[in-house]
Amino acid sequence: MEEFLSTFIRAIFIDNMIFAYYLGMCSFFAISKNVKTSLGLGLTIVFILGVTVPINYLLEKYVLVEGALVWLDESFADTDLSFLSLILFITVIASFVQLAEMVIERFLPSLYASLGIFLPLLAVNCAILGGSLFMQQRAFPNIGTATVYGLGCGIGWLLAILGMAAISEKITYSNIPKPLRGLGIAFVITGLMGLGFMCFSGLKI
């Protein structure tokens, strides 16, 4: 339980996808102008990361790594399919993005219209793929840890875009210097928020 909590907290605050690795910035900047739309996209990313990271963990452990297919037959003991990991990870992610897109289009048409092209583009969102690649790199001991990590990454991304959207709405009527208006002030705010999240790196977990 302690390991799960540690992984969860680290994924949200210390290894935040936006503020620690700057992954998924295109949709982060494009959507973070409205809190409601940002919440919808953030929850979608929480769902996709929470589902695809453990599935890709199982693929990694029981199909891709050298000797993983030994459960089929002893003759596969030396088989190494790790070169397929990237394409299989993207396939799994694209499948669940398509599922999420169909559900949102059916039940939340206004959110679907607000997200536009950025919803199908989640299939190649570097934050979502990064979750699976970091999982692969860190070699988590079990699927529970991988699931907690995926959920933590998603929640961290959700907090980042919600914070950015809330600030963007607040400064709409602020007197911002002309050269900084739009994307310029967004970069400044993101940098300041990243510095704020760096404070969590001092946590002893």
N, C-alpha and C. Protein backbone atom coordinates (compact mmCIF):
# COMPACT_ATOMS: atom_id res chain seq x y z
N MET A 1 0.82 -1.21 0.00
CA MET A 1 0.00 0.00 0.00
C MET A 1 0.87 1.27 0.00
N GLU A 2 1.93 1.24 0.77
CA GLU A 2 2.84 2.38 0.83
C GLU A 2 3.50 2.64 -0.52
N GLU A 3 3.83 1.54 -1.22
CA GLU A 3 4.45 1.68 -2.55
C GLU A 3 3.47 2.31 -3.54
N PHE A 4 2.19 1.90 -3.46
CA PHE A 4 1.18 2.46 -4.35
C PHE A 4 1.01 3.96 -4.10
N LEU A 5 0.94 4.34 -2.83
CA LEU A 5 0.76 5.75 -2.48
C LEU A 5 1.95 6.59 -2.94
N SER A 6 3.15 6.05 -2.74
CA SER A 6 4.36 6.75 -3.16
C SER A 6 4.37 6.97 -4.67
N THR A 7 4.05 5.91 -5.43
CA THR A 7 4.01 6.00 -6.89
C THR A 7 2.96 7.00 -7.35
N PHE A 8 1.80 6.98 -6.69
CA PHE A 8 0.70 7.87 -7.05
C PHE A 8 1.06 9.34 -6.83
N ILE A 9 1.61 9.64 -5.66
CA ILE A 9 1.98 11.02 -5.32
C ILE A 9 3.09 11.53 -6.23
N ARG A 10 4.07 10.68 -6.50
CA ARG A 10 5.18 11.08 -7.38
C ARG A 10 4.68 11.38 -8.79
N ALA A 11 3.77 10.54 -9.29
CA ALA A 11 3.27 10.73 -10.65
C ALA A 11 2.50 12.04 -10.78
N ILE A 12 1.78 12.42 -9.73
CA ILE A 12 0.97 13.64 -9.79
C ILE A 12 1.82 14.90 -9.65
N PHE A 13 2.66 14.93 -8.62
CA PHE A 13 3.32 16.19 -8.25
C PHE A 13 4.80 16.27 -8.66
N ILE A 14 5.55 15.22 -8.46
CA ILE A 14 7.00 15.28 -8.69
C ILE A 14 7.34 15.01 -10.15
N ASP A 15 6.74 13.95 -10.72
CA ASP A 15 6.99 13.60 -12.12
C ASP A 15 5.84 14.04 -13.00
N ASN A 16 5.27 15.20 -12.73
CA ASN A 16 4.13 15.70 -13.49
C ASN A 16 4.46 15.77 -14.98
N MET A 17 3.58 15.24 -15.81
CA MET A 17 3.83 15.17 -17.25
C MET A 17 4.05 16.54 -17.88
N ILE A 18 3.33 17.54 -17.38
CA ILE A 18 3.45 18.89 -17.95
C ILE A 18 4.66 19.61 -17.37
N PHE A 19 4.74 19.69 -16.06
CA PHE A 19 5.71 20.57 -15.42
C PHE A 19 7.08 19.94 -15.19
N ALA A 20 7.18 18.61 -15.26
CA ALA A 20 8.48 17.96 -15.12
C ALA A 20 9.05 17.54 -16.47
N TYR A 21 8.18 17.11 -17.40
CA TYR A 21 8.66 16.59 -18.68
C TYR A 21 8.15 17.37 -19.89
N TYR A 22 7.21 18.30 -19.67
CA TYR A 22 6.66 19.12 -20.76
C TYR A 22 6.11 18.26 -21.90
N LEU A 23 5.34 17.23 -21.53
CA LEU A 23 4.72 16.34 -22.51
C LEU A 23 3.24 16.69 -22.66
N GLY A 24 2.75 16.65 -23.87
CA GLY A 24 1.34 16.97 -24.14
C GLY A 24 1.07 18.45 -24.17
N MET A 25 2.06 19.25 -24.54
CA MET A 25 1.93 20.70 -24.47
C MET A 25 1.00 21.27 -25.55
N CYS A 26 0.89 20.59 -26.69
CA CYS A 26 0.07 21.16 -27.77
C CYS A 26 -1.39 21.27 -27.35
N SER A 27 -1.96 20.17 -26.85
CA SER A 27 -3.35 20.22 -26.39
C SER A 27 -3.47 21.02 -25.10
N PHE A 28 -2.42 21.04 -24.29
CA PHE A 28 -2.43 21.81 -23.05
C PHE A 28 -2.63 23.30 -23.34
N PHE A 29 -1.88 23.84 -24.27
CA PHE A 29 -1.99 25.26 -24.60
C PHE A 29 -3.26 25.57 -25.40
N ALA A 30 -3.67 24.64 -26.25
CA ALA A 30 -4.81 24.91 -27.12
C ALA A 30 -6.15 24.88 -26.38
N ILE A 31 -6.26 23.98 -25.40
CA ILE A 31 -7.55 23.77 -24.73
C ILE A 31 -7.67 24.55 -23.43
N SER A 32 -6.55 24.94 -22.83
CA SER A 32 -6.58 25.52 -21.48
C SER A 32 -7.03 26.98 -21.43
N LYS A 33 -8.06 27.30 -22.19
CA LYS A 33 -8.62 28.65 -22.15
C LYS A 33 -9.97 28.67 -21.45
N ASN A 34 -10.53 27.47 -21.23
CA ASN A 34 -11.85 27.33 -20.63
C ASN A 34 -11.83 26.17 -19.64
N VAL A 35 -12.30 26.41 -18.42
CA VAL A 35 -12.22 25.38 -17.37
C VAL A 35 -13.08 24.16 -17.71
N LYS A 36 -14.28 24.39 -18.22
CA LYS A 36 -15.19 23.27 -18.52
C LYS A 36 -14.60 22.34 -19.58
N THR A 37 -14.09 22.92 -20.66
CA THR A 37 -13.49 22.11 -21.72
C THR A 37 -12.22 21.42 -21.22
N SER A 38 -11.43 22.13 -20.43
CA SER A 38 -10.21 21.55 -19.88
C SER A 38 -10.52 20.36 -18.97
N LEU A 39 -11.58 20.48 -18.19
CA LEU A 39 -11.98 19.38 -17.32
C LEU A 39 -12.36 18.16 -18.14
N GLY A 40 -13.10 18.37 -19.23
CA GLY A 40 -13.49 17.25 -20.09
C GLY A 40 -12.29 16.55 -20.70
N LEU A 41 -11.34 17.34 -21.23
CA LEU A 41 -10.15 16.74 -21.83
C LEU A 41 -9.30 16.06 -20.77
N GLY A 42 -9.16 16.70 -19.60
CA GLY A 42 -8.35 16.13 -18.53
C GLY A 42 -8.89 14.80 -18.04
N LEU A 43 -10.21 14.70 -17.87
CA LEU A 43 -10.82 13.44 -17.44
C LEU A 43 -10.66 12.36 -18.50
N THR A 44 -10.72 12.76 -19.76
CA THR A 44 -10.50 11.79 -20.85
C THR A 44 -9.08 11.24 -20.79
N ILE A 45 -8.12 12.10 -20.52
CA ILE A 45 -6.72 11.66 -20.43
C ILE A 45 -6.51 10.78 -19.19
N VAL A 46 -7.17 11.10 -18.08
CA VAL A 46 -7.10 10.24 -16.89
C VAL A 46 -7.59 8.84 -17.23
N PHE A 47 -8.72 8.76 -17.93
CA PHE A 47 -9.28 7.46 -18.32
C PHE A 47 -8.31 6.70 -19.23
N ILE A 48 -7.81 7.38 -20.27
CA ILE A 48 -6.95 6.69 -21.24
C ILE A 48 -5.65 6.21 -20.59
N LEU A 49 -5.02 7.07 -19.79
CA LEU A 49 -3.79 6.66 -19.11
C LEU A 49 -4.05 5.57 -18.09
N GLY A 50 -5.16 5.68 -17.36
CA GLY A 50 -5.48 4.69 -16.33
C GLY A 50 -5.76 3.31 -16.90
N VAL A 51 -6.18 3.25 -18.17
CA VAL A 51 -6.49 1.96 -18.80
C VAL A 51 -5.33 1.44 -19.64
N THR A 52 -4.70 2.33 -20.41
CA THR A 52 -3.68 1.86 -21.36
C THR A 52 -2.35 1.49 -20.69
N VAL A 53 -1.97 2.18 -19.62
CA VAL A 53 -0.69 1.86 -18.97
C VAL A 53 -0.69 0.43 -18.42
N PRO A 54 -1.73 -0.01 -17.66
CA PRO A 54 -1.72 -1.41 -17.21
C PRO A 54 -1.83 -2.43 -18.34
N ILE A 55 -2.61 -2.10 -19.39
CA ILE A 55 -2.71 -3.03 -20.52
C ILE A 55 -1.36 -3.17 -21.21
N ASN A 56 -0.68 -2.05 -21.40
CA ASN A 56 0.64 -2.11 -22.02
C ASN A 56 1.66 -2.78 -21.11
N TYR A 57 1.45 -2.68 -19.80
CA TYR A 57 2.31 -3.40 -18.86
C TYR A 57 2.17 -4.91 -19.08
N LEU A 58 0.94 -5.37 -19.23
CA LEU A 58 0.71 -6.81 -19.47
C LEU A 58 1.31 -7.24 -20.81
N LEU A 59 1.16 -6.39 -21.83
CA LEU A 59 1.78 -6.70 -23.12
C LEU A 59 3.30 -6.81 -22.99
N GLU A 60 3.87 -5.86 -22.25
CA GLU A 60 5.32 -5.85 -22.05
C GLU A 60 5.79 -7.12 -21.34
N LYS A 61 5.07 -7.48 -20.29
CA LYS A 61 5.53 -8.59 -19.44
C LYS A 61 5.27 -9.95 -20.05
N TYR A 62 4.16 -10.11 -20.74
CA TYR A 62 3.76 -11.45 -21.20
C TYR A 62 3.89 -11.65 -22.71
N VAL A 63 4.29 -10.63 -23.45
CA VAL A 63 4.42 -10.78 -24.90
C VAL A 63 5.75 -10.26 -25.44
N LEU A 64 6.17 -9.08 -25.00
CA LEU A 64 7.24 -8.37 -25.69
C LEU A 64 8.65 -8.68 -25.23
N VAL A 65 8.90 -8.71 -23.92
CA VAL A 65 10.27 -8.87 -23.44
C VAL A 65 10.80 -10.26 -23.76
N GLU A 66 12.12 -10.36 -23.76
CA GLU A 66 12.75 -11.64 -24.06
C GLU A 66 12.31 -12.71 -23.07
N GLY A 67 11.84 -13.83 -23.59
CA GLY A 67 11.39 -14.94 -22.74
C GLY A 67 9.96 -14.80 -22.24
N ALA A 68 9.27 -13.71 -22.62
CA ALA A 68 7.90 -13.49 -22.12
C ALA A 68 6.92 -14.54 -22.64
N LEU A 69 7.21 -15.08 -23.82
CA LEU A 69 6.29 -16.05 -24.43
C LEU A 69 6.53 -17.48 -23.98
N VAL A 70 7.32 -17.65 -22.95
CA VAL A 70 7.61 -19.00 -22.47
C VAL A 70 6.35 -19.69 -21.96
N TRP A 71 5.33 -18.91 -21.60
CA TRP A 71 4.07 -19.50 -21.15
C TRP A 71 3.34 -20.24 -22.27
N LEU A 72 3.71 -19.90 -23.53
CA LEU A 72 3.13 -20.62 -24.67
C LEU A 72 3.84 -21.96 -24.88
N ASP A 73 5.18 -21.88 -24.89
CA ASP A 73 5.99 -23.08 -25.11
C ASP A 73 7.44 -22.76 -24.76
N GLU A 74 8.16 -23.75 -24.30
CA GLU A 74 9.56 -23.56 -23.92
C GLU A 74 10.43 -23.13 -25.11
N SER A 75 9.99 -23.43 -26.32
CA SER A 75 10.77 -23.07 -27.50
C SER A 75 10.82 -21.56 -27.73
N PHE A 76 9.94 -20.80 -27.04
CA PHE A 76 9.93 -19.34 -27.18
C PHE A 76 10.78 -18.64 -26.12
N ALA A 77 11.60 -19.40 -25.42
CA ALA A 77 12.37 -18.83 -24.31
C ALA A 77 13.32 -17.72 -24.76
N ASP A 78 13.80 -17.80 -25.99
CA ASP A 78 14.76 -16.80 -26.48
C ASP A 78 14.10 -15.75 -27.39
N THR A 79 12.80 -15.80 -27.52
CA THR A 79 12.10 -14.86 -28.40
C THR A 79 12.03 -13.48 -27.76
N ASP A 80 12.41 -12.48 -28.51
CA ASP A 80 12.39 -11.09 -28.02
C ASP A 80 11.63 -10.22 -29.02
N LEU A 81 10.44 -9.77 -28.60
CA LEU A 81 9.61 -8.94 -29.47
C LEU A 81 9.57 -7.49 -29.01
N SER A 82 10.57 -7.09 -28.24
CA SER A 82 10.56 -5.72 -27.69
C SER A 82 10.61 -4.65 -28.78
N PHE A 83 11.07 -5.01 -29.99
CA PHE A 83 11.12 -4.03 -31.09
C PHE A 83 9.71 -3.62 -31.54
N LEU A 84 8.70 -4.41 -31.13
CA LEU A 84 7.31 -4.09 -31.48
C LEU A 84 6.60 -3.24 -30.43
N SER A 85 7.30 -2.92 -29.35
CA SER A 85 6.63 -2.28 -28.22
C SER A 85 5.99 -0.95 -28.61
N LEU A 86 6.69 -0.12 -29.36
CA LEU A 86 6.17 1.21 -29.69
C LEU A 86 4.89 1.11 -30.50
N ILE A 87 4.87 0.28 -31.52
CA ILE A 87 3.70 0.19 -32.39
C ILE A 87 2.52 -0.45 -31.65
N LEU A 88 2.80 -1.41 -30.77
CA LEU A 88 1.71 -2.04 -30.00
C LEU A 88 1.15 -1.08 -28.96
N PHE A 89 2.03 -0.33 -28.32
CA PHE A 89 1.57 0.66 -27.34
C PHE A 89 0.65 1.68 -28.01
N ILE A 90 1.06 2.17 -29.18
CA ILE A 90 0.26 3.18 -29.89
C ILE A 90 -1.07 2.57 -30.34
N THR A 91 -1.06 1.30 -30.74
CA THR A 91 -2.29 0.64 -31.16
C THR A 91 -3.30 0.56 -30.02
N VAL A 92 -2.82 0.17 -28.84
CA VAL A 92 -3.69 0.10 -27.66
C VAL A 92 -4.24 1.49 -27.33
N ILE A 93 -3.36 2.49 -27.33
CA ILE A 93 -3.78 3.86 -27.02
C ILE A 93 -4.81 4.36 -28.04
N ALA A 94 -4.56 4.13 -29.32
CA ALA A 94 -5.47 4.59 -30.37
C ALA A 94 -6.84 3.92 -30.23
N SER A 95 -6.86 2.66 -29.82
CA SER A 95 -8.14 1.95 -29.65
C SER A 95 -8.98 2.60 -28.56
N PHE A 96 -8.37 2.93 -27.44
CA PHE A 96 -9.13 3.53 -26.34
C PHE A 96 -9.46 5.00 -26.60
N VAL A 97 -8.62 5.68 -27.36
CA VAL A 97 -8.96 7.04 -27.77
C VAL A 97 -10.19 7.02 -28.67
N GLN A 98 -10.24 6.05 -29.58
CA GLN A 98 -11.41 5.93 -30.45
C GLN A 98 -12.66 5.62 -29.65
N LEU A 99 -12.53 4.75 -28.64
CA LEU A 99 -13.67 4.43 -27.77
C LEU A 99 -14.14 5.68 -27.03
N ALA A 100 -13.19 6.42 -26.45
CA ALA A 100 -13.54 7.64 -25.72
C ALA A 100 -14.19 8.66 -26.64
N GLU A 101 -13.67 8.76 -27.87
CA GLU A 101 -14.23 9.72 -28.84
C GLU A 101 -15.68 9.38 -29.16
N MET A 102 -15.98 8.09 -29.35
CA MET A 102 -17.35 7.68 -29.67
C MET A 102 -18.30 7.95 -28.51
N VAL A 103 -17.84 7.68 -27.29
CA VAL A 103 -18.68 7.91 -26.11
C VAL A 103 -18.95 9.41 -25.92
N ILE A 104 -17.92 10.23 -26.06
CA ILE A 104 -18.08 11.68 -25.90
C ILE A 104 -18.99 12.25 -26.99
N GLU A 105 -18.81 11.78 -28.23
CA GLU A 105 -19.66 12.27 -29.32
C GLU A 105 -21.12 11.90 -29.10
N ARG A 106 -21.34 10.71 -28.51
CA ARG A 106 -22.72 10.24 -28.30
C ARG A 106 -23.39 10.95 -27.13
N PHE A 107 -22.68 11.11 -26.01
CA PHE A 107 -23.30 11.60 -24.79
C PHE A 107 -22.97 13.05 -24.45
N LEU A 108 -21.86 13.58 -24.98
CA LEU A 108 -21.46 14.97 -24.67
C LEU A 108 -21.10 15.69 -25.98
N PRO A 109 -22.08 15.92 -26.84
CA PRO A 109 -21.78 16.52 -28.15
C PRO A 109 -21.17 17.92 -28.05
N SER A 110 -21.55 18.69 -27.04
CA SER A 110 -20.98 20.05 -26.91
C SER A 110 -19.50 19.98 -26.58
N LEU A 111 -19.12 19.04 -25.69
CA LEU A 111 -17.70 18.85 -25.37
C LEU A 111 -16.95 18.34 -26.59
N TYR A 112 -17.57 17.43 -27.32
CA TYR A 112 -16.95 16.89 -28.54
C TYR A 112 -16.65 18.01 -29.54
N ALA A 113 -17.60 18.92 -29.69
CA ALA A 113 -17.41 20.05 -30.61
C ALA A 113 -16.33 20.99 -30.09
N SER A 114 -16.26 21.19 -28.77
CA SER A 114 -15.26 22.10 -28.19
C SER A 114 -13.84 21.56 -28.35
N LEU A 115 -13.69 20.25 -28.19
CA LEU A 115 -12.35 19.65 -28.27
C LEU A 115 -11.85 19.58 -29.71
N GLY A 116 -12.77 19.41 -30.66
CA GLY A 116 -12.40 19.40 -32.07
C GLY A 116 -11.36 18.36 -32.41
N ILE A 117 -10.34 18.77 -33.16
CA ILE A 117 -9.32 17.84 -33.64
C ILE A 117 -8.45 17.29 -32.51
N PHE A 118 -8.43 17.97 -31.35
CA PHE A 118 -7.54 17.55 -30.28
C PHE A 118 -7.98 16.26 -29.60
N LEU A 119 -9.26 15.87 -29.77
CA LEU A 119 -9.70 14.61 -29.20
C LEU A 119 -9.12 13.40 -29.95
N PRO A 120 -9.29 13.29 -31.27
CA PRO A 120 -8.64 12.16 -31.97
C PRO A 120 -7.11 12.22 -31.90
N LEU A 121 -6.55 13.43 -31.76
CA LEU A 121 -5.09 13.55 -31.69
C LEU A 121 -4.52 12.99 -30.38
N LEU A 122 -5.39 12.66 -29.42
CA LEU A 122 -4.90 12.04 -28.19
C LEU A 122 -4.24 10.69 -28.48
N ALA A 123 -4.57 10.09 -29.63
CA ALA A 123 -3.95 8.81 -30.01
C ALA A 123 -2.44 8.94 -30.15
N VAL A 124 -1.97 10.14 -30.49
CA VAL A 124 -0.52 10.35 -30.63
C VAL A 124 -0.03 11.41 -29.64
N ASN A 125 -0.80 11.64 -28.58
CA ASN A 125 -0.40 12.61 -27.56
C ASN A 125 0.82 12.07 -26.82
N CYS A 126 1.89 12.87 -26.75
CA CYS A 126 3.14 12.39 -26.18
C CYS A 126 3.03 12.14 -24.67
N ALA A 127 2.08 12.80 -23.99
CA ALA A 127 1.91 12.55 -22.56
C ALA A 127 1.35 11.15 -22.33
N ILE A 128 0.41 10.73 -23.17
CA ILE A 128 -0.20 9.41 -23.02
C ILE A 128 0.80 8.31 -23.40
N LEU A 129 1.49 8.48 -24.51
CA LEU A 129 2.51 7.50 -24.90
C LEU A 129 3.65 7.52 -23.88
N GLY A 130 3.98 8.71 -23.36
CA GLY A 130 5.03 8.81 -22.36
C GLY A 130 4.72 7.99 -21.12
N GLY A 131 3.44 7.93 -20.72
CA GLY A 131 3.06 7.13 -19.56
C GLY A 131 3.46 5.67 -19.74
N SER A 132 3.19 5.12 -20.92
CA SER A 132 3.54 3.72 -21.18
C SER A 132 5.04 3.53 -21.31
N LEU A 133 5.73 4.49 -21.94
CA LEU A 133 7.19 4.35 -22.09
C LEU A 133 7.91 4.50 -20.75
N PHE A 134 7.42 5.39 -19.89
CA PHE A 134 8.01 5.52 -18.56
C PHE A 134 7.75 4.25 -17.74
N MET A 135 6.55 3.69 -17.91
CA MET A 135 6.24 2.42 -17.25
C MET A 135 7.23 1.34 -17.67
N GLN A 136 7.51 1.28 -18.96
CA GLN A 136 8.45 0.30 -19.50
C GLN A 136 9.85 0.54 -18.95
N GLN A 137 10.26 1.81 -18.90
CA GLN A 137 11.60 2.17 -18.44
C GLN A 137 11.79 1.85 -16.95
N ARG A 138 10.75 2.09 -16.15
CA ARG A 138 10.89 1.94 -14.70
C ARG A 138 10.65 0.52 -14.20
N ALA A 139 10.18 -0.36 -15.10
CA ALA A 139 10.03 -1.78 -14.77
C ALA A 139 9.28 -1.99 -13.45
N PHE A 140 8.04 -1.55 -13.40
CA PHE A 140 7.24 -1.70 -12.19
C PHE A 140 7.07 -3.17 -11.85
N PRO A 141 7.02 -3.50 -10.55
CA PRO A 141 6.99 -4.91 -10.14
C PRO A 141 5.67 -5.62 -10.40
N ASN A 142 4.56 -4.89 -10.51
CA ASN A 142 3.26 -5.54 -10.71
C ASN A 142 2.30 -4.60 -11.42
N ILE A 143 1.18 -5.17 -11.84
CA ILE A 143 0.20 -4.39 -12.61
C ILE A 143 -0.48 -3.34 -11.74
N GLY A 144 -0.59 -3.59 -10.44
CA GLY A 144 -1.19 -2.61 -9.54
C GLY A 144 -0.40 -1.31 -9.52
N THR A 145 0.91 -1.42 -9.44
CA THR A 145 1.77 -0.22 -9.44
C THR A 145 1.67 0.51 -10.77
N ALA A 146 1.61 -0.26 -11.87
CA ALA A 146 1.49 0.35 -13.20
C ALA A 146 0.16 1.09 -13.33
N THR A 147 -0.91 0.51 -12.79
CA THR A 147 -2.23 1.15 -12.86
C THR A 147 -2.25 2.45 -12.05
N VAL A 148 -1.70 2.39 -10.84
CA VAL A 148 -1.64 3.57 -9.98
C VAL A 148 -0.80 4.66 -10.65
N TYR A 149 0.29 4.26 -11.30
CA TYR A 149 1.14 5.22 -11.99
C TYR A 149 0.38 5.89 -13.14
N GLY A 150 -0.34 5.09 -13.92
CA GLY A 150 -1.11 5.65 -15.03
C GLY A 150 -2.16 6.64 -14.56
N LEU A 151 -2.88 6.27 -13.50
CA LEU A 151 -3.90 7.18 -12.95
C LEU A 151 -3.26 8.45 -12.40
N GLY A 152 -2.12 8.31 -11.73
CA GLY A 152 -1.41 9.47 -11.18
C GLY A 152 -0.95 10.42 -12.28
N CYS A 153 -0.43 9.86 -13.36
CA CYS A 153 0.00 10.70 -14.50
C CYS A 153 -1.18 11.47 -15.08
N GLY A 154 -2.32 10.77 -15.21
CA GLY A 154 -3.51 11.42 -15.75
C GLY A 154 -4.03 12.53 -14.84
N ILE A 155 -4.07 12.26 -13.55
CA ILE A 155 -4.55 13.26 -12.60
C ILE A 155 -3.60 14.46 -12.55
N GLY A 156 -2.30 14.19 -12.63
CA GLY A 156 -1.32 15.28 -12.67
C GLY A 156 -1.53 16.18 -13.88
N TRP A 157 -1.81 15.58 -15.03
CA TRP A 157 -2.07 16.35 -16.25
C TRP A 157 -3.37 17.12 -16.10
N LEU A 158 -4.37 16.49 -15.50
CA LEU A 158 -5.65 17.15 -15.26
C LEU A 158 -5.50 18.37 -14.36
N LEU A 159 -4.75 18.24 -13.28
CA LEU A 159 -4.53 19.37 -12.38
C LEU A 159 -3.80 20.51 -13.09
N ALA A 160 -2.84 20.14 -13.94
CA ALA A 160 -2.07 21.16 -14.65
C ALA A 160 -2.96 21.96 -15.60
N ILE A 161 -3.79 21.28 -16.39
CA ILE A 161 -4.61 22.01 -17.37
C ILE A 161 -5.74 22.75 -16.69
N LEU A 162 -6.27 22.22 -15.57
CA LEU A 162 -7.31 22.95 -14.84
C LEU A 162 -6.74 24.22 -14.22
N GLY A 163 -5.54 24.12 -13.66
CA GLY A 163 -4.90 25.30 -13.09
C GLY A 163 -4.64 26.36 -14.14
N MET A 164 -4.15 25.92 -15.28
CA MET A 164 -3.87 26.85 -16.37
C MET A 164 -5.16 27.49 -16.89
N ALA A 165 -6.22 26.70 -17.02
CA ALA A 165 -7.49 27.23 -17.52
C ALA A 165 -8.08 28.24 -16.55
N ALA A 166 -8.01 27.94 -15.25
CA ALA A 166 -8.54 28.86 -14.24
C ALA A 166 -7.80 30.20 -14.28
N ILE A 167 -6.48 30.13 -14.41
CA ILE A 167 -5.68 31.37 -14.48
C ILE A 167 -6.00 32.13 -15.77
N SER A 168 -6.14 31.40 -16.88
CA SER A 168 -6.43 32.04 -18.17
C SER A 168 -7.76 32.78 -18.13
N GLU A 169 -8.75 32.18 -17.47
CA GLU A 169 -10.05 32.86 -17.35
C GLU A 169 -9.93 34.11 -16.48
N LYS A 170 -9.12 34.03 -15.44
CA LYS A 170 -8.97 35.17 -14.53
C LYS A 170 -8.26 36.36 -15.18
N ILE A 171 -7.32 36.06 -16.08
CA ILE A 171 -6.52 37.16 -16.66
C ILE A 171 -7.11 37.67 -17.97
N THR A 172 -8.29 37.17 -18.33
CA THR A 172 -8.90 37.60 -19.59
C THR A 172 -9.04 39.11 -19.66
N TYR A 173 -9.41 39.71 -18.53
CA TYR A 173 -9.64 41.15 -18.51
C TYR A 173 -8.49 41.92 -17.86
N SER A 174 -7.35 41.25 -17.70
CA SER A 174 -6.19 41.92 -17.12
C SER A 174 -5.47 42.75 -18.19
N ASN A 175 -4.72 43.71 -17.72
CA ASN A 175 -3.98 44.59 -18.64
C ASN A 175 -2.61 43.97 -18.91
N ILE A 176 -2.57 43.02 -19.82
CA ILE A 176 -1.33 42.32 -20.17
C ILE A 176 -0.62 43.09 -21.28
N PRO A 177 0.68 43.29 -21.18
CA PRO A 177 1.42 43.98 -22.26
C PRO A 177 1.20 43.28 -23.61
N LYS A 178 1.06 44.05 -24.66
CA LYS A 178 0.73 43.50 -25.98
C LYS A 178 1.67 42.38 -26.44
N PRO A 179 3.00 42.53 -26.27
CA PRO A 179 3.88 41.45 -26.75
C PRO A 179 3.66 40.11 -26.05
N LEU A 180 3.05 40.12 -24.85
CA LEU A 180 2.86 38.89 -24.09
C LEU A 180 1.47 38.29 -24.22
N ARG A 181 0.58 38.97 -24.89
CA ARG A 181 -0.79 38.48 -24.98
C ARG A 181 -0.86 37.18 -25.77
N GLY A 182 -1.78 36.31 -25.35
CA GLY A 182 -1.96 35.03 -26.03
C GLY A 182 -0.97 33.99 -25.54
N LEU A 183 -0.24 33.42 -26.50
CA LEU A 183 0.67 32.33 -26.18
C LEU A 183 1.84 32.78 -25.31
N GLY A 184 2.24 34.04 -25.45
CA GLY A 184 3.37 34.54 -24.67
C GLY A 184 3.12 34.46 -23.18
N ILE A 185 1.97 34.96 -22.72
CA ILE A 185 1.67 34.91 -21.29
C ILE A 185 1.41 33.49 -20.84
N ALA A 186 0.92 32.64 -21.76
CA ALA A 186 0.70 31.23 -21.42
C ALA A 186 2.02 30.54 -21.10
N PHE A 187 3.06 30.85 -21.88
CA PHE A 187 4.38 30.29 -21.61
C PHE A 187 4.92 30.78 -20.26
N VAL A 188 4.71 32.04 -19.98
CA VAL A 188 5.19 32.60 -18.71
C VAL A 188 4.49 31.92 -17.53
N ILE A 189 3.17 31.79 -17.63
CA ILE A 189 2.40 31.16 -16.54
C ILE A 189 2.81 29.70 -16.37
N THR A 190 3.00 28.99 -17.48
CA THR A 190 3.41 27.59 -17.40
C THR A 190 4.77 27.45 -16.71
N GLY A 191 5.69 28.34 -17.05
CA GLY A 191 7.01 28.31 -16.40
C GLY A 191 6.91 28.57 -14.91
N LEU A 192 6.08 29.52 -14.51
CA LEU A 192 5.91 29.82 -13.09
C LEU A 192 5.24 28.66 -12.35
N MET A 193 4.26 28.04 -12.99
CA MET A 193 3.61 26.87 -12.38
C MET A 193 4.59 25.70 -12.26
N GLY A 194 5.45 25.56 -13.29
CA GLY A 194 6.48 24.52 -13.23
C GLY A 194 7.43 24.74 -12.07
N LEU A 195 7.81 26.00 -11.83
CA LEU A 195 8.67 26.32 -10.68
C LEU A 195 7.96 25.99 -9.37
N GLY A 196 6.65 26.27 -9.34
CA GLY A 196 5.88 25.94 -8.15
C GLY A 196 5.85 24.44 -7.88
N PHE A 197 5.68 23.65 -8.94
CA PHE A 197 5.62 22.19 -8.77
C PHE A 197 6.99 21.62 -8.42
N MET A 198 8.06 22.34 -8.74
CA MET A 198 9.39 21.87 -8.37
C MET A 198 9.55 21.78 -6.85
N CYS A 199 8.75 22.55 -6.12
CA CYS A 199 8.81 22.50 -4.65
C CYS A 199 8.49 21.09 -4.13
N PHE A 200 7.64 20.36 -4.89
CA PHE A 200 7.27 19.02 -4.45
C PHE A 200 8.42 18.02 -4.57
N SER A 201 9.45 18.38 -5.33
CA SER A 201 10.58 17.45 -5.49
C SER A 201 11.33 17.24 -4.18
N GLY A 202 11.08 18.14 -3.20
CA GLY A 202 11.71 17.98 -1.89
C GLY A 202 10.97 17.02 -0.98
N LEU A 203 9.81 16.51 -1.44
CA LEU A 203 9.06 15.56 -0.61
C LEU A 203 9.84 14.27 -0.45
N LYS A 204 9.90 13.77 0.76
CA LYS A 204 10.55 12.49 1.01
C LYS A 204 9.47 11.41 1.03
N ILE A 205 9.41 10.65 -0.07
CA ILE A 205 8.36 9.64 -0.21
C ILE A 205 9.00 8.25 -0.20
